[in-house]
Amino acid sequence: MAIELLTKEDVREILREELIRVLPDLLPKPDEAPVTGGKVCARFSISHVTLAKYRDLGKIPCIKIGKCYRYILSDVEEALTKIGLV
């Protein structure tokens, strides 16, 4: 049984290939850029209080960047459908 040692370059190449394979599923699609809470509220006719409540309860997915929250509209629509608000 032979043991194969990997160089730093081998590890980089393996990681690069895995990232290329996995990243497309993790990144939002171009037409699904993150939007502000105000746009979510306007799109679904809900109040900022309702949005914050469901976000804080974990019922609406969001992305937190510093102190700001951003949302993917399709994810929010799916979550609101499950809740029964859409």
Protein backbone atom coordinates (compact mmCIF):
# COMPACT_ATOMS: atom_id res chain seq x y z
CA MET A 1 0.00 0.00 0.00
CA ALA A 2 1.55 3.26 -1.14
CA ILE A 3 0.96 6.60 0.51
CA GLU A 4 0.65 9.53 -1.87
CA LEU A 5 1.77 12.92 -0.63
CA LEU A 6 0.08 16.00 -2.01
CA THR A 7 1.84 19.24 -2.71
CA LYS A 8 0.32 22.64 -2.00
CA GLU A 9 -0.38 22.96 -5.71
CA ASP A 10 -2.21 19.59 -5.73
CA VAL A 11 -4.40 20.72 -2.83
CA ARG A 12 -5.10 24.07 -4.53
CA GLU A 13 -6.14 22.29 -7.73
CA ILE A 14 -8.44 19.91 -5.85
CA LEU A 15 -10.05 22.81 -3.99
CA ARG A 16 -10.38 24.85 -7.20
CA GLU A 17 -12.16 21.96 -8.94
CA GLU A 18 -14.52 21.43 -6.00
CA LEU A 19 -15.36 25.14 -5.79
CA ILE A 20 -16.14 25.25 -9.49
CA ARG A 21 -18.45 22.25 -9.01
CA VAL A 22 -20.20 23.50 -5.85
CA LEU A 23 -20.38 27.30 -6.15
CA PRO A 24 -23.06 27.57 -8.86
CA ASP A 25 -25.56 25.90 -6.52
CA LEU A 26 -24.65 28.17 -3.61
CA LEU A 27 -24.67 31.54 -5.36
CA PRO A 28 -27.89 33.33 -6.25
CA LYS A 29 -28.86 33.30 -9.89
CA PRO A 30 -28.21 36.58 -11.75
CA ASP A 31 -31.90 37.49 -11.75
CA GLU A 32 -32.08 36.75 -8.01
CA ALA A 33 -29.83 39.42 -6.60
CA PRO A 34 -30.36 40.13 -2.89
CA VAL A 35 -32.79 42.99 -2.22
CA THR A 36 -33.57 45.19 0.77
CA GLY A 37 -36.39 44.64 3.23
CA GLY A 38 -38.22 47.62 1.74
CA LYS A 39 -38.39 45.91 -1.65
CA VAL A 40 -39.63 42.71 -0.02
CA CYS A 41 -42.34 44.63 1.85
CA ALA A 42 -43.44 46.43 -1.32
CA ARG A 43 -43.42 43.25 -3.43
CA PHE A 44 -45.48 41.17 -0.98
CA SER A 45 -47.51 43.97 0.65
CA ILE A 46 -46.32 43.21 4.16
CA SER A 47 -45.13 45.59 6.86
CA HIS A 48 -41.55 45.98 8.02
CA VAL A 49 -42.67 44.71 11.45
CA THR A 50 -44.08 41.51 9.90
CA LEU A 51 -40.93 41.00 7.85
CA ALA A 52 -38.71 41.47 10.91
CA LYS A 53 -40.90 39.18 13.01
CA TYR A 54 -40.76 36.30 10.53
CA ARG A 55 -37.07 36.90 9.85
CA ASP A 56 -36.24 36.80 13.57
CA LEU A 57 -38.32 33.62 13.99
CA GLY A 58 -36.34 32.04 11.14
CA LYS A 59 -39.39 31.67 8.91
CA ILE A 60 -38.01 33.94 6.18
CA PRO A 61 -34.47 33.33 4.91
CA CYS A 62 -32.12 36.29 4.78
CA ILE A 63 -28.52 37.26 4.36
CA LYS A 64 -27.01 39.45 7.06
CA ILE A 65 -24.24 41.78 5.98
CA GLY A 66 -23.01 43.74 8.97
CA LYS A 67 -26.19 45.24 10.42
CA CYS A 68 -28.12 45.03 7.14
CA TYR A 69 -30.42 42.25 5.97
CA ARG A 70 -30.88 41.27 2.35
CA TYR A 71 -33.37 38.84 0.84
CA ILE A 72 -33.72 36.68 -2.26
CA LEU A 73 -37.26 37.32 -3.52
CA SER A 74 -37.90 33.75 -4.72
CA ASP A 75 -36.83 32.36 -1.33
CA VAL A 76 -39.05 34.84 0.49
CA GLU A 77 -42.00 34.03 -1.77
CA GLU A 78 -41.55 30.31 -1.08
CA ALA A 79 -41.36 30.94 2.68
CA LEU A 80 -44.40 33.24 2.69
CA THR A 81 -46.35 30.64 0.72
CA LYS A 82 -45.56 28.04 3.39
CA ILE A 83 -46.65 30.48 6.11
CA GLY A 84 -49.83 31.24 4.17
CA LEU A 85 -49.25 34.96 3.55
CA VAL A 86 -49.00 34.65 -0.26
